[in-house]
Amino acid sequence: MTIQYTPRGTCSRQFQIEVEEGVIQSVQVVGGCDGNLKGLSSLLKGMKVEEAIGRMEGIRCGGKPTSCPDQLAQALKTAL
């Protein structure tokens, strides 16, 4: 399954997430903090969707009510 998601309230503009049998295969992000998001994408590869959501949901960026990790969690919820 391929998830295309447009995040809200973050610097990143687009997520493309590949999920197979409940496991994240790849994460590609357009925009945002390049190095941080490449690192996050690498860490998520091979992780179960539920675990990733549990780890990232609710993370905030500075004074914003959301963050790229939180928005990735919202995108992953569509895979459940």
C-alpha atoms as a PDB file:
ATOM      1  CA  MET A   1       0.000   0.000   0.000  1.00  0.00           C
ATOM      2  CA  THR A   2       1.239   3.462  -0.885  1.00  0.00           C
ATOM      3  CA  ILE A   3       0.136   6.360   1.294  1.00  0.00           C
ATOM      4  CA  GLN A   4       0.262   9.840  -0.240  1.00  0.00           C
ATOM      5  CA  TYR A   5      -0.279  12.445   2.470  1.00  0.00           C
ATOM      6  CA  THR A   6      -0.142  16.227   2.563  1.00  0.00           C
ATOM      7  CA  PRO A   7       0.921  17.304   6.063  1.00  0.00           C
ATOM      8  CA  ARG A   8      -0.641  20.304   7.777  1.00  0.00           C
ATOM      9  CA  GLY A   9       1.178  22.830   9.962  1.00  0.00           C
ATOM     10  CA  THR A  10       4.715  21.683   9.082  1.00  0.00           C
ATOM     11  CA  CYS A  11       7.526  22.706   6.727  1.00  0.00           C
ATOM     12  CA  SER A  12       7.288  19.411   4.833  1.00  0.00           C
ATOM     13  CA  ARG A  13       4.898  19.441   1.881  1.00  0.00           C
ATOM     14  CA  GLN A  14       4.304  15.791   0.960  1.00  0.00           C
ATOM     15  CA  PHE A  15       4.824  12.272   2.352  1.00  0.00           C
ATOM     16  CA  GLN A  16       4.927   9.060   0.372  1.00  0.00           C
ATOM     17  CA  ILE A  17       4.941   5.985   2.601  1.00  0.00           C
ATOM     18  CA  GLU A  18       5.116   2.354   1.456  1.00  0.00           C
ATOM     19  CA  VAL A  19       3.554  -0.165   3.852  1.00  0.00           C
ATOM     20  CA  GLU A  20       3.379  -3.947   3.375  1.00  0.00           C
ATOM     21  CA  GLU A  21       1.620  -6.260   5.821  1.00  0.00           C
ATOM     22  CA  GLY A  22       1.652  -3.610   8.550  1.00  0.00           C
ATOM     23  CA  VAL A  23       5.385  -2.871   8.218  1.00  0.00           C
ATOM     24  CA  ILE A  24       6.852   0.378   6.869  1.00  0.00           C
ATOM     25  CA  GLN A  25       8.996  -0.291   3.804  1.00  0.00           C
ATOM     26  CA  SER A  26       9.988   3.281   2.923  1.00  0.00           C
ATOM     27  CA  VAL A  27       9.235   6.919   3.701  1.00  0.00           C
ATOM     28  CA  GLN A  28       9.929   9.795   1.319  1.00  0.00           C
ATOM     29  CA  VAL A  29       9.389  13.418   2.329  1.00  0.00           C
ATOM     30  CA  VAL A  30       9.280  16.530   0.156  1.00  0.00           C
ATOM     31  CA  GLY A  31      10.345  19.685   1.985  1.00  0.00           C
ATOM     32  CA  GLY A  32      11.104  20.048   5.671  1.00  0.00           C
ATOM     33  CA  CYS A  33      14.434  19.589   7.463  1.00  0.00           C
ATOM     34  CA  ASP A  34      16.243  17.340   4.991  1.00  0.00           C
ATOM     35  CA  GLY A  35      18.756  15.643   7.290  1.00  0.00           C
ATOM     36  CA  ASN A  36      16.330  15.094  10.151  1.00  0.00           C
ATOM     37  CA  LEU A  37      13.650  13.655   7.896  1.00  0.00           C
ATOM     38  CA  LYS A  38      16.119  11.369   6.077  1.00  0.00           C
ATOM     39  CA  GLY A  39      17.206  10.070   9.481  1.00  0.00           C
ATOM     40  CA  LEU A  40      13.618   9.595  10.607  1.00  0.00           C
ATOM     41  CA  SER A  41      12.775   7.819   7.347  1.00  0.00           C
ATOM     42  CA  SER A  42      15.715   5.461   7.848  1.00  0.00           C
ATOM     43  CA  LEU A  43      14.685   4.683  11.433  1.00  0.00           C
ATOM     44  CA  LEU A  44      11.079   3.953  10.417  1.00  0.00           C
ATOM     45  CA  LYS A  45      12.032   1.415   7.736  1.00  0.00           C
ATOM     46  CA  GLY A  46      11.100  -2.058   8.988  1.00  0.00           C
ATOM     47  CA  MET A  47       9.034  -0.747  11.918  1.00  0.00           C
ATOM     48  CA  LYS A  48       5.454  -1.844  12.474  1.00  0.00           C
ATOM     49  CA  VAL A  49       2.892   0.847  11.712  1.00  0.00           C
ATOM     50  CA  GLU A  50       1.342   0.676  15.199  1.00  0.00           C
ATOM     51  CA  GLU A  51       4.706   1.097  16.909  1.00  0.00           C
ATOM     52  CA  ALA A  52       5.636   4.073  14.719  1.00  0.00           C
ATOM     53  CA  ILE A  53       2.314   5.780  15.457  1.00  0.00           C
ATOM     54  CA  GLY A  54       2.766   5.219  19.187  1.00  0.00           C
ATOM     55  CA  ARG A  55       6.258   6.713  19.145  1.00  0.00           C
ATOM     56  CA  MET A  56       5.534   9.774  16.993  1.00  0.00           C
ATOM     57  CA  GLU A  57       1.948  10.839  17.647  1.00  0.00           C
ATOM     58  CA  GLY A  58       1.687  14.008  19.727  1.00  0.00           C
ATOM     59  CA  ILE A  59       5.254  15.241  19.179  1.00  0.00           C
ATOM     60  CA  ARG A  60       5.300  19.009  18.783  1.00  0.00           C
ATOM     61  CA  CYS A  61       7.745  21.293  16.975  1.00  0.00           C
ATOM     62  CA  GLY A  62       8.530  24.384  19.010  1.00  0.00           C
ATOM     63  CA  GLY A  63       5.288  26.209  19.719  1.00  0.00           C
ATOM     64  CA  LYS A  64       3.398  24.464  16.913  1.00  0.00           C
ATOM     65  CA  PRO A  65       0.619  22.022  17.829  1.00  0.00           C
ATOM     66  CA  THR A  66       2.132  19.404  15.489  1.00  0.00           C
ATOM     67  CA  SER A  67       5.403  18.305  13.862  1.00  0.00           C
ATOM     68  CA  CYS A  68       6.620  16.224  10.940  1.00  0.00           C
ATOM     69  CA  PRO A  69       6.720  13.073  13.142  1.00  0.00           C
ATOM     70  CA  ASP A  70       3.179  13.772  14.379  1.00  0.00           C
ATOM     71  CA  GLN A  71       1.984  14.285  10.812  1.00  0.00           C
ATOM     72  CA  LEU A  72       3.702  11.032   9.758  1.00  0.00           C
ATOM     73  CA  ALA A  73       1.739   9.302  12.519  1.00  0.00           C
ATOM     74  CA  GLN A  74      -1.483  10.808  11.157  1.00  0.00           C
ATOM     75  CA  ALA A  75      -0.584   9.570   7.660  1.00  0.00           C
ATOM     76  CA  LEU A  76       0.181   6.076   8.988  1.00  0.00           C
ATOM     77  CA  LYS A  77      -3.214   5.865  10.673  1.00  0.00           C
ATOM     78  CA  THR A  78      -4.709   5.552   7.193  1.00  0.00           C
ATOM     79  CA  ALA A  79      -2.917   2.189   6.853  1.00  0.00           C
ATOM     80  CA  LEU A  80      -4.736   0.672   9.841  1.00  0.00           C
END
